[in-house]
Amino acid sequence: MDQGLIPNRYAKALYKFALEKGAADRVYELMKCLCASFAGQPRLQEVVANPFVATEDKTGLLTTAACAKSTDTVFADFLKLLVENRRIDIVRLIALRYLDIYRRANNICLVKIVTATDMPADVVGKLHALVERHLPGATVEYTHLTDPSIIGGFIVDVNSERLDASLESELRQLRLKLLSK
């Protein structure tokens, strides 16, 4: 079975269901929290995929991982559907696809900024303004990371595009030019 097609179908169905219930924004936040939990706890996927763990324990764990309230019926119905169809093990893939669908539908761009050190607030503000000027009408979600290996400068990833203004990149290009002569 195609592990890309199935999560995509479930994510589309969840998005439509959440829209009908007026809960698409809330489900988006739950899916972000769920994906963050999977990223922060790599063993979570092992537990969810383990056939010896009771389904009630899995759903409880996923509810907690998604930062969901136990009274959230849309998320509870979604988990119930996954359990009934024996698809609980691909919940992470479904959550990732839901995030993509929601972002595309709501014109949300992901921007990751990597710097060698923490930037002062005024510089961050200027960089945000520059990015937003190039993404008119889009809502922007920022992620800031520090990576000392880039030595200086910054790297900005906007969705799948990259602007690499790091010192590491400049030195690499200079080295290639010197070696080619």
Protein backbone atom coordinates (compact mmCIF):
# COMPACT_ATOMS: atom_id res chain seq x y z
CA MET A 1 0.00 0.00 0.00
CA ASP A 2 1.08 3.54 -0.73
CA GLN A 3 1.89 5.24 2.59
CA GLY A 4 1.50 8.66 0.94
CA LEU A 5 -1.90 8.18 -0.67
CA ILE A 6 -3.68 6.83 2.40
CA PRO A 7 -2.57 9.56 4.84
CA ASN A 8 -3.48 12.15 2.22
CA ARG A 9 -7.03 10.80 1.91
CA TYR A 10 -7.53 10.70 5.67
CA ALA A 11 -6.11 14.22 6.03
CA LYS A 12 -8.44 15.57 3.33
CA ALA A 13 -11.41 13.88 4.97
CA LEU A 14 -10.42 15.25 8.38
CA TYR A 15 -10.04 18.75 6.92
CA LYS A 16 -13.51 18.60 5.31
CA PHE A 17 -15.04 17.22 8.52
CA ALA A 18 -13.33 19.90 10.62
CA LEU A 19 -14.54 22.62 8.24
CA GLU A 20 -18.11 21.33 8.51
CA LYS A 21 -17.87 21.40 12.30
CA GLY A 22 -16.20 24.82 12.32
CA ALA A 23 -13.13 23.34 13.98
CA ALA A 24 -10.49 23.49 11.24
CA ASP A 25 -8.40 26.08 13.13
CA ARG A 26 -8.55 24.10 16.37
CA VAL A 27 -7.66 20.84 14.60
CA TYR A 28 -4.74 22.65 12.95
CA GLU A 29 -3.37 23.60 16.36
CA LEU A 30 -3.90 20.04 17.62
CA MET A 31 -2.05 18.60 14.62
CA LYS A 32 0.84 21.03 15.15
CA CYS A 33 1.07 19.92 18.77
CA LEU A 34 0.85 16.26 17.75
CA CYS A 35 3.65 16.64 15.19
CA ALA A 36 5.79 18.46 17.76
CA SER A 37 5.21 15.59 20.18
CA PHE A 38 6.30 13.03 17.57
CA ALA A 39 9.40 15.13 16.82
CA GLY A 40 10.24 15.53 20.51
CA GLN A 41 9.57 11.91 21.45
CA PRO A 42 10.78 9.55 18.69
CA ARG A 43 9.58 6.51 20.67
CA LEU A 44 5.99 7.75 20.39
CA GLN A 45 5.75 6.25 16.89
CA GLU A 46 6.99 2.90 18.21
CA VAL A 47 4.31 2.87 20.90
CA VAL A 48 1.54 3.82 18.48
CA ALA A 49 2.62 1.12 16.01
CA ASN A 50 3.00 -1.55 18.72
CA PRO A 51 0.18 -4.12 18.39
CA PHE A 52 0.53 -5.13 22.04
CA VAL A 53 -0.41 -1.69 23.36
CA ALA A 54 -4.16 -1.39 23.96
CA THR A 55 -6.03 0.95 21.61
CA GLU A 56 -7.47 2.86 24.59
CA ASP A 57 -3.92 3.54 25.76
CA LYS A 58 -2.91 4.66 22.26
CA THR A 59 -5.85 7.04 21.91
CA GLY A 60 -5.22 8.44 25.38
CA LEU A 61 -1.56 8.92 24.57
CA LEU A 62 -2.34 10.62 21.25
CA THR A 63 -4.93 12.86 22.90
CA THR A 64 -2.30 13.95 25.39
CA ALA A 65 0.35 14.30 22.66
CA ALA A 66 -1.98 16.55 20.65
CA CYS A 67 -2.66 18.75 23.69
CA ALA A 68 -6.34 17.96 23.15
CA LYS A 69 -9.04 18.17 25.75
CA SER A 70 -10.88 14.93 26.37
CA THR A 71 -14.10 16.72 25.35
CA ASP A 72 -12.82 17.55 21.85
CA THR A 73 -15.27 15.51 19.78
CA VAL A 74 -13.73 16.17 16.36
CA PHE A 75 -10.33 14.84 17.41
CA ALA A 76 -11.92 11.96 19.36
CA ASP A 77 -14.01 10.99 16.32
CA PHE A 78 -10.90 11.15 14.14
CA LEU A 79 -9.00 8.80 16.47
CA LYS A 80 -12.01 6.48 16.66
CA LEU A 81 -12.11 6.27 12.85
CA LEU A 82 -8.39 5.47 12.72
CA VAL A 83 -8.81 2.73 15.32
CA GLU A 84 -11.81 1.21 13.52
CA ASN A 85 -9.94 1.17 10.19
CA ARG A 86 -6.66 0.01 11.77
CA ARG A 87 -4.82 3.11 10.64
CA ILE A 88 -3.73 4.46 14.02
CA ASP A 89 -0.10 3.70 13.16
CA ILE A 90 -0.08 6.35 10.39
CA VAL A 91 -1.52 9.14 12.54
CA ARG A 92 1.73 11.14 12.30
CA LEU A 93 1.69 11.04 8.49
CA ILE A 94 -1.97 12.09 8.49
CA ALA A 95 -1.20 14.98 10.85
CA LEU A 96 1.64 16.18 8.60
CA ARG A 97 -0.60 16.05 5.53
CA TYR A 98 -3.37 17.89 7.39
CA LEU A 99 -0.93 20.68 8.19
CA ASP A 100 0.02 20.93 4.51
CA ILE A 101 -3.62 21.01 3.38
CA TYR A 102 -4.57 23.62 5.97
CA ARG A 103 -1.58 25.83 5.16
CA ARG A 104 -2.27 25.69 1.45
CA ALA A 105 -5.96 26.49 1.96
CA ASN A 106 -5.21 29.41 4.30
CA ASN A 107 -2.12 30.83 2.52
CA ILE A 108 0.25 30.13 5.39
CA CYS A 109 3.98 30.06 4.67
CA LEU A 110 6.55 28.36 6.86
CA VAL A 111 9.73 30.36 7.35
CA LYS A 112 12.76 28.92 9.09
CA ILE A 113 15.56 31.30 9.99
CA VAL A 114 18.93 29.85 10.98
CA THR A 115 21.66 32.06 12.44
CA ALA A 116 25.01 31.40 14.06
CA THR A 117 23.94 33.16 17.27
CA ASP A 118 20.76 34.65 18.68
CA MET A 119 19.78 37.83 16.87
CA PRO A 120 18.77 41.06 18.62
CA ALA A 121 15.03 41.79 18.56
CA ASP A 122 15.37 44.76 16.18
CA VAL A 123 17.28 42.64 13.62
CA VAL A 124 14.66 39.88 13.91
CA GLY A 125 11.95 42.48 13.30
CA LYS A 126 13.72 43.79 10.18
CA LEU A 127 14.20 40.28 8.83
CA HIS A 128 10.53 39.46 9.47
CA ALA A 129 9.48 42.66 7.67
CA LEU A 130 11.70 41.77 4.71
CA VAL A 131 10.26 38.26 4.46
CA GLU A 132 6.67 39.49 4.78
CA ARG A 133 7.23 42.09 2.07
CA HIS A 134 8.07 39.25 -0.33
CA LEU A 135 5.02 37.23 0.73
CA PRO A 136 2.15 39.68 0.30
CA GLY A 137 -1.14 38.50 1.75
CA ALA A 138 0.37 35.40 3.31
CA THR A 139 0.34 34.52 6.97
CA VAL A 140 3.84 33.61 8.08
CA GLU A 141 4.83 31.09 10.75
CA TYR A 142 8.43 31.53 11.91
CA THR A 143 10.89 29.07 13.36
CA HIS A 144 14.20 30.42 14.67
CA LEU A 145 17.22 28.15 15.09
CA THR A 146 20.84 28.75 15.95
CA ASP A 147 23.61 26.76 14.31
CA PRO A 148 27.17 27.85 15.11
CA SER A 149 28.52 25.84 12.16
CA ILE A 150 27.31 28.51 9.69
CA ILE A 151 29.86 30.85 11.32
CA GLY A 152 27.93 34.04 10.51
CA GLY A 153 25.13 35.44 8.41
CA PHE A 154 21.83 33.62 8.09
CA ILE A 155 19.84 31.03 6.15
CA VAL A 156 16.16 31.62 5.40
CA ASP A 157 13.93 28.78 4.21
CA VAL A 158 10.52 29.84 2.88
CA ASN A 159 8.44 26.74 2.24
CA SER A 160 10.78 24.87 -0.14
CA GLU A 161 13.00 27.80 -1.21
CA ARG A 162 16.29 28.72 0.44
CA LEU A 163 18.27 31.94 0.73
CA ASP A 164 21.71 31.05 2.05
CA ALA A 165 23.59 34.17 3.18
CA SER A 166 25.80 32.31 5.61
CA LEU A 167 29.53 32.78 5.94
CA GLU A 168 29.97 29.01 5.65
CA SER A 169 28.34 29.10 2.20
CA GLU A 170 30.47 32.04 1.09
CA LEU A 171 33.66 30.25 2.19
CA ARG A 172 32.58 27.06 0.39
CA GLN A 173 31.99 29.00 -2.84
CA LEU A 174 35.33 30.78 -2.53
CA ARG A 175 37.08 27.43 -1.99
CA LEU A 176 35.43 25.98 -5.11
CA LYS A 177 36.54 29.00 -7.17
CA LEU A 178 40.13 28.67 -5.96
CA LEU A 179 40.19 24.93 -6.67
CA SER A 180 38.82 25.36 -10.20
CA LYS A 181 41.70 27.68 -11.23
